Amino acid sequence: MDPSFPLTVPEPGRADAVLAAALDGVTRSAAQRWLEQGRVTLDGAPVKKNAQLQAGQRLLIAPPQPQEPDAVPQPLPLDVIYEDEDVIVVNKPVGMVVHPAPGHPDGTLVNALLYHCKGSLSGINGQLRPGIVHRIDRDTSGLVIAAKNDRAHLALAGQLQDHSLFRLYHAVVLGGFREESGTVDAPIARHPVQRKRMAVCPPGQGRRAVTHYQVIDSRAGYTHLTCQLETGRTHQIRVHLAHLGHPLLGDPVYGPKRPFPGLDGQCLHAAQLTFTHPATGTRITVSAPLPHWFQAVLERLGLS
């Protein structure tokens, strides 16, 4: 969570119950501790745990900040797609977190990279995210590029900014599309109530987010499509497709809560990455084939 953030009370109720219902991952007992510690205020005054809140009131919440773990090298399996003295591109499996964080102190892609690269990673993002230029979600599979030195990191970060770092994803979503292709140009910001979610917001708010999509096949209420990222906001593809009314198959956050049998996580795979090499200036394209679990979903749904 952010160091502090506002929360608009969605409906009337007792303070601890309101917080527990509105904040993902916060139990009622945790909410009570925050209230007792004065971490929740209304008009500058601490809120008592048994206070009766009214809908529309605006709280300011300052949750305790968890201690960040250390990033240590670990000999974890790593599917390296491309590597030289400046960059490394790996095919991340579903379930692997990109960098250590509270709740995921180890077993991450960073831990594996530190071991594989023997400490030769850019230090621009600090100890917990060495070499990491961009991220994909834990339950998304596919390509991630990391920088082995600061010069390469700055060059790749610049390509993210000017949109010359090309990223193509495969996805399976709910519902059928009337058009074969399209673009979602809709800003994204953190959800005003559920702080672990992102949401499309009105123009002029949030950060600009652009996703291009192309339908590959559609039948029986499901669609296989590709998505090209022009920008790279948190959960961008997931939020944009849900905004269109076509949430990702298996995404319990932005889609139906009911799990799809045999699928762990959302059906989203980072399949292609094109970048300009920071040392040679050569355009390089790398690809990661659809994983077996993704192919199994396509076969089950009769999609190509």
C-alpha atoms as a PDB file:
ATOM      1  CA  MET A   1       0.000   0.000   0.000  1.00  0.00           C
ATOM      2  CA  ASP A   2       0.982   3.642  -0.327  1.00  0.00           C
ATOM      3  CA  PRO A   3       2.521   5.388   2.759  1.00  0.00           C
ATOM      4  CA  SER A   4      -0.799   7.191   3.185  1.00  0.00           C
ATOM      5  CA  PHE A   5      -3.909   7.386   1.071  1.00  0.00           C
ATOM      6  CA  PRO A   6      -7.471   8.738   1.159  1.00  0.00           C
ATOM      7  CA  LEU A   7     -10.492   6.489   1.392  1.00  0.00           C
ATOM      8  CA  THR A   8     -14.057   7.566   0.719  1.00  0.00           C
ATOM      9  CA  VAL A   9     -16.437   5.614   2.942  1.00  0.00           C
ATOM     10  CA  PRO A  10     -18.557   3.543   0.510  1.00  0.00           C
ATOM     11  CA  GLU A  11     -21.445   2.869   2.903  1.00  0.00           C
ATOM     12  CA  PRO A  12     -22.311   3.625   6.536  1.00  0.00           C
ATOM     13  CA  GLY A  13     -21.065   1.367   9.299  1.00  0.00           C
ATOM     14  CA  ARG A  14     -18.732   0.881  12.219  1.00  0.00           C
ATOM     15  CA  ALA A  15     -15.193   2.086  11.424  1.00  0.00           C
ATOM     16  CA  ASP A  16     -13.341  -1.218  11.797  1.00  0.00           C
ATOM     17  CA  ALA A  17     -15.946  -3.074   9.740  1.00  0.00           C
ATOM     18  CA  VAL A  18     -15.878  -0.401   7.017  1.00  0.00           C
ATOM     19  CA  LEU A  19     -12.083  -0.615   6.685  1.00  0.00           C
ATOM     20  CA  ALA A  20     -12.044  -4.415   6.596  1.00  0.00           C
ATOM     21  CA  ALA A  21     -14.683  -4.459   3.861  1.00  0.00           C
ATOM     22  CA  ALA A  22     -13.105  -1.709   1.774  1.00  0.00           C
ATOM     23  CA  LEU A  23      -9.412  -2.660   1.901  1.00  0.00           C
ATOM     24  CA  ASP A  24      -8.158  -5.842   0.224  1.00  0.00           C
ATOM     25  CA  GLY A  25      -6.129  -8.055   2.536  1.00  0.00           C
ATOM     26  CA  VAL A  26      -6.988  -6.094   5.702  1.00  0.00           C
ATOM     27  CA  THR A  27      -8.765  -8.117   8.397  1.00  0.00           C
ATOM     28  CA  ARG A  28     -11.091  -6.588  10.956  1.00  0.00           C
ATOM     29  CA  SER A  29      -8.522  -7.165  13.720  1.00  0.00           C
ATOM     30  CA  ALA A  30      -5.837  -5.407  11.640  1.00  0.00           C
ATOM     31  CA  ALA A  31      -8.243  -2.530  11.014  1.00  0.00           C
ATOM     32  CA  GLN A  32      -8.851  -2.271  14.764  1.00  0.00           C
ATOM     33  CA  ARG A  33      -5.083  -2.034  15.419  1.00  0.00           C
ATOM     34  CA  TRP A  34      -4.719   0.735  12.826  1.00  0.00           C
ATOM     35  CA  LEU A  35      -7.568   2.649  14.440  1.00  0.00           C
ATOM     36  CA  GLU A  36      -6.151   2.180  17.946  1.00  0.00           C
ATOM     37  CA  GLN A  37      -2.742   3.408  16.716  1.00  0.00           C
ATOM     38  CA  GLY A  38      -4.275   6.578  15.268  1.00  0.00           C
ATOM     39  CA  ARG A  39      -3.497   5.568  11.685  1.00  0.00           C
ATOM     40  CA  VAL A  40      -6.983   6.525  10.464  1.00  0.00           C
ATOM     41  CA  THR A  41      -8.119  10.135  10.672  1.00  0.00           C
ATOM     42  CA  LEU A  42     -11.214  12.119   9.713  1.00  0.00           C
ATOM     43  CA  ASP A  43     -10.749  15.866   9.278  1.00  0.00           C
ATOM     44  CA  GLY A  44      -7.403  15.533  11.059  1.00  0.00           C
ATOM     45  CA  ALA A  45      -8.801  13.749  14.117  1.00  0.00           C
ATOM     46  CA  PRO A  46      -8.159  10.045  14.913  1.00  0.00           C
ATOM     47  CA  VAL A  47     -11.126   7.759  14.340  1.00  0.00           C
ATOM     48  CA  LYS A  48     -12.184   5.338  17.095  1.00  0.00           C
ATOM     49  CA  LYS A  49     -12.732   1.705  16.114  1.00  0.00           C
ATOM     50  CA  ASN A  50     -16.391   1.811  17.174  1.00  0.00           C
ATOM     51  CA  ALA A  51     -17.129   5.148  15.481  1.00  0.00           C
ATOM     52  CA  GLN A  52     -20.127   5.142  13.180  1.00  0.00           C
ATOM     53  CA  LEU A  53     -19.066   6.382   9.754  1.00  0.00           C
ATOM     54  CA  GLN A  54     -21.332   7.836   7.097  1.00  0.00           C
ATOM     55  CA  ALA A  55     -21.151   7.206   3.364  1.00  0.00           C
ATOM     56  CA  GLY A  56     -19.115   9.838   1.563  1.00  0.00           C
ATOM     57  CA  GLN A  57     -16.883  10.759   4.485  1.00  0.00           C
ATOM     58  CA  ARG A  58     -13.225  10.984   3.446  1.00  0.00           C
ATOM     59  CA  LEU A  59     -10.677   9.213   5.653  1.00  0.00           C
ATOM     60  CA  LEU A  60      -6.910   9.476   5.528  1.00  0.00           C
ATOM     61  CA  ILE A  61      -5.186   6.154   6.166  1.00  0.00           C
ATOM     62  CA  ALA A  62      -1.508   5.654   7.041  1.00  0.00           C
ATOM     63  CA  PRO A  63      -0.940   1.875   7.218  1.00  0.00           C
ATOM     64  CA  PRO A  64       2.207   0.524   8.886  1.00  0.00           C
ATOM     65  CA  GLN A  65       4.971  -0.095   6.378  1.00  0.00           C
ATOM     66  CA  PRO A  66       6.203  -3.711   6.349  1.00  0.00           C
ATOM     67  CA  GLN A  67       9.924  -4.294   6.529  1.00  0.00           C
ATOM     68  CA  GLU A  68      11.341  -5.092   3.109  1.00  0.00           C
ATOM     69  CA  PRO A  69      13.291  -8.345   2.790  1.00  0.00           C
ATOM     70  CA  ASP A  70      16.833  -8.632   1.473  1.00  0.00           C
ATOM     71  CA  ALA A  71      17.400  -9.897  -2.067  1.00  0.00           C
ATOM     72  CA  VAL A  72      19.801 -12.842  -1.955  1.00  0.00           C
ATOM     73  CA  PRO A  73      21.054 -15.101  -4.787  1.00  0.00           C
ATOM     74  CA  GLN A  74      19.193 -18.405  -5.087  1.00  0.00           C
ATOM     75  CA  PRO A  75      19.858 -21.288  -7.513  1.00  0.00           C
ATOM     76  CA  LEU A  76      16.361 -21.330  -9.019  1.00  0.00           C
ATOM     77  CA  PRO A  77      15.432 -22.671 -12.474  1.00  0.00           C
ATOM     78  CA  LEU A  78      15.702 -19.899 -15.058  1.00  0.00           C
ATOM     79  CA  ASP A  79      14.534 -20.143 -18.685  1.00  0.00           C
ATOM     80  CA  VAL A  80      16.985 -17.806 -20.432  1.00  0.00           C
ATOM     81  CA  ILE A  81      15.847 -16.789 -23.924  1.00  0.00           C
ATOM     82  CA  TYR A  82      18.629 -14.301 -24.713  1.00  0.00           C
ATOM     83  CA  GLU A  83      21.742 -13.168 -22.873  1.00  0.00           C
ATOM     84  CA  ASP A  84      24.908 -11.156 -23.485  1.00  0.00           C
ATOM     85  CA  GLU A  85      27.140  -8.897 -21.375  1.00  0.00           C
ATOM     86  CA  ASP A  86      24.544  -6.094 -21.302  1.00  0.00           C
ATOM     87  CA  VAL A  87      21.072  -7.652 -21.128  1.00  0.00           C
ATOM     88  CA  ILE A  88      19.276 -10.857 -20.253  1.00  0.00           C
ATOM     89  CA  VAL A  89      15.763 -11.895 -21.316  1.00  0.00           C
ATOM     90  CA  VAL A  90      14.016 -14.692 -19.426  1.00  0.00           C
ATOM     91  CA  ASN A  91      10.736 -16.525 -19.808  1.00  0.00           C
ATOM     92  CA  LYS A  92       9.059 -16.203 -16.398  1.00  0.00           C
ATOM     93  CA  PRO A  93       6.671 -18.976 -15.355  1.00  0.00           C
ATOM     94  CA  VAL A  94       3.250 -18.415 -13.822  1.00  0.00           C
ATOM     95  CA  GLY A  95       3.459 -18.098 -10.057  1.00  0.00           C
ATOM     96  CA  MET A  96       6.904 -16.485  -9.864  1.00  0.00           C
ATOM     97  CA  VAL A  97       7.058 -12.988  -8.372  1.00  0.00           C
ATOM     98  CA  VAL A  98       9.467 -10.610 -10.133  1.00  0.00           C
ATOM     99  CA  HIS A  99      11.156  -9.086  -7.075  1.00  0.00           C
ATOM    100  CA  PRO A 100      11.128  -9.636  -3.285  1.00  0.00           C
ATOM    101  CA  ALA A 101       8.375  -7.911  -1.361  1.00  0.00           C
ATOM    102  CA  PRO A 102       6.544  -8.379   1.937  1.00  0.00           C
ATOM    103  CA  GLY A 103       4.905 -11.788   1.706  1.00  0.00           C
ATOM    104  CA  HIS A 104       7.354 -12.910  -0.985  1.00  0.00           C
ATOM    105  CA  PRO A 105      10.825 -12.596   0.578  1.00  0.00           C
ATOM    106  CA  ASP A 106      12.522 -15.065  -1.762  1.00  0.00           C
ATOM    107  CA  GLY A 107      11.966 -17.450  -4.663  1.00  0.00           C
ATOM    108  CA  THR A 108      11.583 -14.472  -7.004  1.00  0.00           C
ATOM    109  CA  LEU A 109      12.983 -13.731 -10.429  1.00  0.00           C
ATOM    110  CA  VAL A 110      15.448 -11.282  -8.846  1.00  0.00           C
ATOM    111  CA  ASN A 111      16.767 -14.022  -6.547  1.00  0.00           C
ATOM    112  CA  ALA A 112      17.296 -16.266  -9.578  1.00  0.00           C
ATOM    113  CA  LEU A 113      18.948 -13.486 -11.609  1.00  0.00           C
ATOM    114  CA  LEU A 114      21.340 -12.595  -8.796  1.00  0.00           C
ATOM    115  CA  TYR A 115      22.558 -16.199  -8.719  1.00  0.00           C
ATOM    116  CA  HIS A 116      22.678 -16.656 -12.500  1.00  0.00           C
ATOM    117  CA  CYS A 117      24.371 -13.324 -13.244  1.00  0.00           C
ATOM    118  CA  LYS A 118      26.688 -13.533 -10.198  1.00  0.00           C
ATOM    119  CA  GLY A 119      25.927  -9.985  -9.106  1.00  0.00           C
ATOM    120  CA  SER A 120      26.310  -8.458 -12.569  1.00  0.00           C
ATOM    121  CA  LEU A 121      23.046  -6.492 -12.648  1.00  0.00           C
ATOM    122  CA  SER A 122      22.211  -2.797 -12.845  1.00  0.00           C
ATOM    123  CA  GLY A 123      21.910  -1.092  -9.481  1.00  0.00           C
ATOM    124  CA  ILE A 124      19.591   1.692 -10.632  1.00  0.00           C
ATOM    125  CA  ASN A 125      16.475   0.225  -9.001  1.00  0.00           C
ATOM    126  CA  GLY A 126      18.230  -0.553  -5.725  1.00  0.00           C
ATOM    127  CA  GLN A 127      18.884  -3.749  -3.843  1.00  0.00           C
ATOM    128  CA  LEU A 128      15.413  -5.271  -4.135  1.00  0.00           C
ATOM    129  CA  ARG A 129      15.022  -4.735  -7.889  1.00  0.00           C
ATOM    130  CA  PRO A 130      18.529  -4.990  -9.382  1.00  0.00           C
ATOM    131  CA  GLY A 131      18.447  -4.973 -13.176  1.00  0.00           C
ATOM    132  CA  ILE A 132      14.648  -4.921 -13.394  1.00  0.00           C
ATOM    133  CA  VAL A 133      13.531  -2.653 -16.250  1.00  0.00           C
ATOM    134  CA  HIS A 134       9.855  -3.663 -16.326  1.00  0.00           C
ATOM    135  CA  ARG A 135       7.628  -6.170 -14.549  1.00  0.00           C
ATOM    136  CA  ILE A 136       4.834  -8.601 -15.252  1.00  0.00           C
ATOM    137  CA  ASP A 137       2.349  -9.922 -12.707  1.00  0.00           C
ATOM    138  CA  ARG A 138       3.011 -13.040 -10.660  1.00  0.00           C
ATOM    139  CA  ASP A 139       0.241 -14.937 -12.456  1.00  0.00           C
ATOM    140  CA  THR A 140       1.313 -13.785 -15.937  1.00  0.00           C
ATOM    141  CA  SER A 141       3.913 -15.832 -17.803  1.00  0.00           C
ATOM    142  CA  GLY A 142       6.419 -14.734 -20.404  1.00  0.00           C
ATOM    143  CA  LEU A 143       9.272 -12.436 -21.289  1.00  0.00           C
ATOM    144  CA  VAL A 144      11.019 -10.065 -18.904  1.00  0.00           C
ATOM    145  CA  ILE A 145      14.160  -8.116 -19.836  1.00  0.00           C
ATOM    146  CA  ALA A 146      16.772  -7.125 -17.238  1.00  0.00           C
ATOM    147  CA  ALA A 147      19.859  -4.943 -17.511  1.00  0.00           C
ATOM    148  CA  LYS A 148      23.309  -6.074 -16.439  1.00  0.00           C
ATOM    149  CA  ASN A 149      24.731  -2.569 -16.065  1.00  0.00           C
ATOM    150  CA  ASP A 150      23.479   0.962 -15.501  1.00  0.00           C
ATOM    151  CA  ARG A 151      24.195   2.090 -19.064  1.00  0.00           C
ATOM    152  CA  ALA A 152      22.017  -0.673 -20.487  1.00  0.00           C
ATOM    153  CA  HIS A 153      19.325   0.020 -17.900  1.00  0.00           C
ATOM    154  CA  LEU A 154      19.073   3.699 -18.800  1.00  0.00           C
ATOM    155  CA  ALA A 155      18.900   2.874 -22.512  1.00  0.00           C
ATOM    156  CA  LEU A 156      16.147   0.291 -22.053  1.00  0.00           C
ATOM    157  CA  ALA A 157      14.200   2.566 -19.697  1.00  0.00           C
ATOM    158  CA  GLY A 158      14.361   5.250 -22.389  1.00  0.00           C
ATOM    159  CA  GLN A 159      12.862   2.814 -24.896  1.00  0.00           C
ATOM    160  CA  LEU A 160       9.993   2.161 -22.504  1.00  0.00           C
ATOM    161  CA  GLN A 161       9.400   5.895 -22.290  1.00  0.00           C
ATOM    162  CA  ASP A 162       9.427   6.498 -26.061  1.00  0.00           C
ATOM    163  CA  HIS A 163       7.452   3.280 -26.762  1.00  0.00           C
ATOM    164  CA  SER A 164      10.169   1.734 -28.955  1.00  0.00           C
ATOM    165  CA  LEU A 165      10.405  -1.326 -26.690  1.00  0.00           C
ATOM    166  CA  PHE A 166       7.750  -3.544 -28.312  1.00  0.00           C
ATOM    167  CA  ARG A 167       5.794  -5.971 -26.089  1.00  0.00           C
ATOM    168  CA  LEU A 168       3.198  -8.402 -27.426  1.00  0.00           C
ATOM    169  CA  TYR A 169       0.951 -10.545 -25.216  1.00  0.00           C
ATOM    170  CA  HIS A 170      -1.427 -13.423 -25.914  1.00  0.00           C
ATOM    171  CA  ALA A 171      -4.649 -13.489 -23.923  1.00  0.00           C
ATOM    172  CA  VAL A 172      -7.906 -15.422 -23.637  1.00  0.00           C
ATOM    173  CA  VAL A 173     -10.881 -13.335 -22.541  1.00  0.00           C
ATOM    174  CA  LEU A 174     -14.574 -13.761 -21.883  1.00  0.00           C
ATOM    175  CA  GLY A 175     -17.040 -12.840 -24.622  1.00  0.00           C
ATOM    176  CA  GLY A 176     -16.811 -12.098 -28.321  1.00  0.00           C
ATOM    177  CA  PHE A 177     -15.713  -8.925 -30.129  1.00  0.00           C
ATOM    178  CA  ARG A 178     -17.652  -7.176 -32.900  1.00  0.00           C
ATOM    179  CA  GLU A 179     -14.445  -5.763 -34.381  1.00  0.00           C
ATOM    180  CA  GLU A 180     -11.279  -7.637 -35.325  1.00  0.00           C
ATOM    181  CA  SER A 181      -8.939  -5.073 -33.821  1.00  0.00           C
ATOM    182  CA  GLY A 182      -8.982  -1.894 -31.778  1.00  0.00           C
ATOM    183  CA  THR A 183      -7.248   0.392 -29.318  1.00  0.00           C
ATOM    184  CA  VAL A 184      -8.080   1.205 -25.715  1.00  0.00           C
ATOM    185  CA  ASP A 185      -6.822   4.678 -24.808  1.00  0.00           C
ATOM    186  CA  ALA A 186      -8.044   5.156 -21.245  1.00  0.00           C
ATOM    187  CA  PRO A 187      -6.144   6.511 -18.225  1.00  0.00           C
ATOM    188  CA  ILE A 188      -5.509   4.256 -15.256  1.00  0.00           C
ATOM    189  CA  ALA A 189      -5.169   5.078 -11.559  1.00  0.00           C
ATOM    190  CA  ARG A 190      -5.387   3.223  -8.291  1.00  0.00           C
ATOM    191  CA  HIS A 191      -8.936   2.204  -7.388  1.00  0.00           C
ATOM    192  CA  PRO A 192     -10.434   4.800  -5.001  1.00  0.00           C
ATOM    193  CA  VAL A 193     -11.650   2.154  -2.539  1.00  0.00           C
ATOM    194  CA  GLN A 194      -9.893  -1.157  -3.217  1.00  0.00           C
ATOM    195  CA  ARG A 195      -6.271  -0.052  -2.965  1.00  0.00           C
ATOM    196  CA  LYS A 196      -4.734  -3.224  -4.434  1.00  0.00           C
ATOM    197  CA  ARG A 197      -6.712  -2.751  -7.644  1.00  0.00           C
ATOM    198  CA  MET A 198      -6.309  -0.346 -10.527  1.00  0.00           C
ATOM    199  CA  ALA A 199      -9.169   1.225 -12.462  1.00  0.00           C
ATOM    200  CA  VAL A 200      -9.921   3.281 -15.556  1.00  0.00           C
ATOM    201  CA  CYS A 201     -10.522   6.870 -14.472  1.00  0.00           C
ATOM    202  CA  PRO A 202     -11.996   9.991 -16.119  1.00  0.00           C
ATOM    203  CA  PRO A 203      -9.892  11.899 -18.676  1.00  0.00           C
ATOM    204  CA  GLY A 204      -7.436  14.237 -17.036  1.00  0.00           C
ATOM    205  CA  GLN A 205      -6.927  11.911 -14.069  1.00  0.00           C
ATOM    206  CA  GLY A 206      -4.509   9.030 -13.564  1.00  0.00           C
ATOM    207  CA  ARG A 207      -1.821   8.172 -16.110  1.00  0.00           C
ATOM    208  CA  ARG A 208      -2.350   7.693 -19.839  1.00  0.00           C
ATOM    209  CA  ALA A 209      -2.579   4.046 -20.829  1.00  0.00           C
ATOM    210  CA  VAL A 210      -2.839   2.651 -24.376  1.00  0.00           C
ATOM    211  CA  THR A 211      -3.399  -0.975 -25.390  1.00  0.00           C
ATOM    212  CA  HIS A 212      -3.810  -2.227 -28.976  1.00  0.00           C
ATOM    213  CA  TYR A 213      -5.554  -5.566 -29.531  1.00  0.00           C
ATOM    214  CA  GLN A 214      -6.062  -7.981 -32.424  1.00  0.00           C
ATOM    215  CA  VAL A 215      -8.520 -10.902 -32.410  1.00  0.00           C
ATOM    216  CA  ILE A 216      -7.070 -14.276 -33.415  1.00  0.00           C
ATOM    217  CA  ASP A 217     -10.092 -16.523 -32.886  1.00  0.00           C
ATOM    218  CA  SER A 218     -13.448 -16.348 -31.127  1.00  0.00           C
ATOM    219  CA  ARG A 219     -16.147 -18.893 -30.366  1.00  0.00           C
ATOM    220  CA  ALA A 220     -18.565 -20.096 -27.675  1.00  0.00           C
ATOM    221  CA  GLY A 221     -18.177 -16.972 -25.572  1.00  0.00           C
ATOM    222  CA  TYR A 222     -14.372 -16.860 -25.489  1.00  0.00           C
ATOM    223  CA  THR A 223     -11.789 -14.960 -27.550  1.00  0.00           C
ATOM    224  CA  HIS A 224      -8.078 -15.509 -28.155  1.00  0.00           C
ATOM    225  CA  LEU A 225      -6.362 -12.228 -28.967  1.00  0.00           C
ATOM    226  CA  THR A 226      -3.015 -10.458 -28.889  1.00  0.00           C
ATOM    227  CA  CYS A 227      -2.372  -7.224 -27.020  1.00  0.00           C
ATOM    228  CA  GLN A 228       0.395  -4.757 -27.787  1.00  0.00           C
ATOM    229  CA  LEU A 229       1.381  -2.395 -25.001  1.00  0.00           C
ATOM    230  CA  GLU A 230       2.088   1.192 -25.972  1.00  0.00           C
ATOM    231  CA  THR A 231       2.378   2.178 -22.306  1.00  0.00           C
ATOM    232  CA  GLY A 232       3.099  -0.021 -19.296  1.00  0.00           C
ATOM    233  CA  ARG A 233       0.839   0.746 -16.353  1.00  0.00           C
ATOM    234  CA  THR A 234       0.195  -1.626 -13.465  1.00  0.00           C
ATOM    235  CA  HIS A 235      -2.330  -4.308 -14.505  1.00  0.00           C
ATOM    236  CA  GLN A 236      -2.876  -2.401 -17.759  1.00  0.00           C
ATOM    237  CA  ILE A 237      -4.059  -5.238 -20.009  1.00  0.00           C
ATOM    238  CA  ARG A 238      -6.202  -6.718 -17.256  1.00  0.00           C
ATOM    239  CA  VAL A 239      -7.856  -3.375 -16.479  1.00  0.00           C
ATOM    240  CA  HIS A 240      -8.368  -2.330 -20.101  1.00  0.00           C
ATOM    241  CA  LEU A 241      -9.917  -5.618 -21.203  1.00  0.00           C
ATOM    242  CA  ALA A 242     -12.203  -5.686 -18.173  1.00  0.00           C
ATOM    243  CA  HIS A 243     -13.161  -2.086 -19.010  1.00  0.00           C
ATOM    244  CA  LEU A 244     -14.255  -3.317 -22.444  1.00  0.00           C
ATOM    245  CA  GLY A 245     -16.405  -5.967 -20.769  1.00  0.00           C
ATOM    246  CA  HIS A 246     -13.986  -8.780 -21.676  1.00  0.00           C
ATOM    247  CA  PRO A 247     -12.010  -9.699 -18.541  1.00  0.00           C
ATOM    248  CA  LEU A 248      -9.169 -12.177 -18.787  1.00  0.00           C
ATOM    249  CA  LEU A 249     -10.071 -15.799 -18.282  1.00  0.00           C
ATOM    250  CA  GLY A 250      -8.968 -16.812 -14.787  1.00  0.00           C
ATOM    251  CA  ASP A 251      -8.574 -13.267 -13.425  1.00  0.00           C
ATOM    252  CA  PRO A 252     -10.416 -13.225 -10.067  1.00  0.00           C
ATOM    253  CA  VAL A 253      -9.569  -9.566  -9.413  1.00  0.00           C
ATOM    254  CA  TYR A 254     -11.067  -7.960 -12.527  1.00  0.00           C
ATOM    255  CA  GLY A 255     -13.277 -10.819 -13.738  1.00  0.00           C
ATOM    256  CA  PRO A 256     -15.614 -13.444 -12.282  1.00  0.00           C
ATOM    257  CA  LYS A 257     -14.578 -14.785  -8.874  1.00  0.00           C
ATOM    258  CA  ARG A 258     -15.335 -18.345  -9.950  1.00  0.00           C
ATOM    259  CA  PRO A 259     -12.077 -20.068 -11.013  1.00  0.00           C
ATOM    260  CA  PHE A 260     -11.739 -21.696 -14.420  1.00  0.00           C
ATOM    261  CA  PRO A 261     -11.035 -25.427 -13.916  1.00  0.00           C
ATOM    262  CA  GLY A 262      -7.384 -26.311 -14.432  1.00  0.00           C
ATOM    263  CA  LEU A 263      -6.186 -22.693 -14.704  1.00  0.00           C
ATOM    264  CA  ASP A 264      -4.026 -21.005 -12.083  1.00  0.00           C
ATOM    265  CA  GLY A 265      -3.967 -17.247 -12.604  1.00  0.00           C
ATOM    266  CA  GLN A 266      -5.091 -15.198 -15.576  1.00  0.00           C
ATOM    267  CA  CYS A 267      -4.691 -16.449 -19.132  1.00  0.00           C
ATOM    268  CA  LEU A 268      -2.035 -13.938 -20.188  1.00  0.00           C
ATOM    269  CA  HIS A 269       1.405 -14.590 -21.686  1.00  0.00           C
ATOM    270  CA  ALA A 270       4.126 -12.106 -22.706  1.00  0.00           C
ATOM    271  CA  ALA A 271       5.086 -13.754 -25.983  1.00  0.00           C
ATOM    272  CA  GLN A 272       7.287 -11.290 -27.880  1.00  0.00           C
ATOM    273  CA  LEU A 273       9.752  -8.558 -27.034  1.00  0.00           C
ATOM    274  CA  THR A 274      11.633  -6.270 -29.434  1.00  0.00           C
ATOM    275  CA  PHE A 275      14.269  -3.801 -28.265  1.00  0.00           C
ATOM    276  CA  THR A 276      17.238  -1.840 -29.538  1.00  0.00           C
ATOM    277  CA  HIS A 277      20.421  -3.279 -28.095  1.00  0.00           C
ATOM    278  CA  PRO A 278      21.930  -0.617 -25.788  1.00  0.00           C
ATOM    279  CA  ALA A 279      25.500  -1.263 -26.997  1.00  0.00           C
ATOM    280  CA  THR A 280      25.197  -2.156 -30.690  1.00  0.00           C
ATOM    281  CA  GLY A 281      22.019  -0.335 -31.709  1.00  0.00           C
ATOM    282  CA  THR A 282      20.720  -3.527 -33.361  1.00  0.00           C
ATOM    283  CA  ARG A 283      16.999  -4.273 -33.163  1.00  0.00           C
ATOM    284  CA  ILE A 284      16.521  -7.645 -31.460  1.00  0.00           C
ATOM    285  CA  THR A 285      13.302  -9.658 -31.318  1.00  0.00           C
ATOM    286  CA  VAL A 286      12.871 -12.550 -28.893  1.00  0.00           C
ATOM    287  CA  SER A 287       9.879 -14.849 -28.508  1.00  0.00           C
ATOM    288  CA  ALA A 288       8.550 -17.271 -25.914  1.00  0.00           C
ATOM    289  CA  PRO A 289       6.146 -19.962 -27.150  1.00  0.00           C
ATOM    290  CA  LEU A 290       2.763 -20.319 -25.515  1.00  0.00           C
ATOM    291  CA  PRO A 291       3.185 -22.503 -22.417  1.00  0.00           C
ATOM    292  CA  HIS A 292       1.542 -25.912 -22.252  1.00  0.00           C
ATOM    293  CA  TRP A 293      -1.172 -24.720 -19.869  1.00  0.00           C
ATOM    294  CA  PHE A 294      -2.124 -21.917 -22.292  1.00  0.00           C
ATOM    295  CA  GLN A 295      -2.245 -24.338 -25.229  1.00  0.00           C
ATOM    296  CA  ALA A 296      -4.431 -26.660 -23.164  1.00  0.00           C
ATOM    297  CA  VAL A 297      -6.915 -23.833 -22.544  1.00  0.00           C
ATOM    298  CA  LEU A 298      -7.071 -23.016 -26.273  1.00  0.00           C
ATOM    299  CA  GLU A 299      -7.680 -26.670 -27.146  1.00  0.00           C
ATOM    300  CA  ARG A 300     -10.342 -27.034 -24.485  1.00  0.00           C
ATOM    301  CA  LEU A 301     -12.210 -23.982 -25.792  1.00  0.00           C
ATOM    302  CA  GLY A 302     -11.728 -24.889 -29.465  1.00  0.00           C
ATOM    303  CA  LEU A 303      -9.679 -21.760 -30.156  1.00  0.00           C
ATOM    304  CA  SER A 304      -6.714 -21.430 -32.478  1.00  0.00           C
END
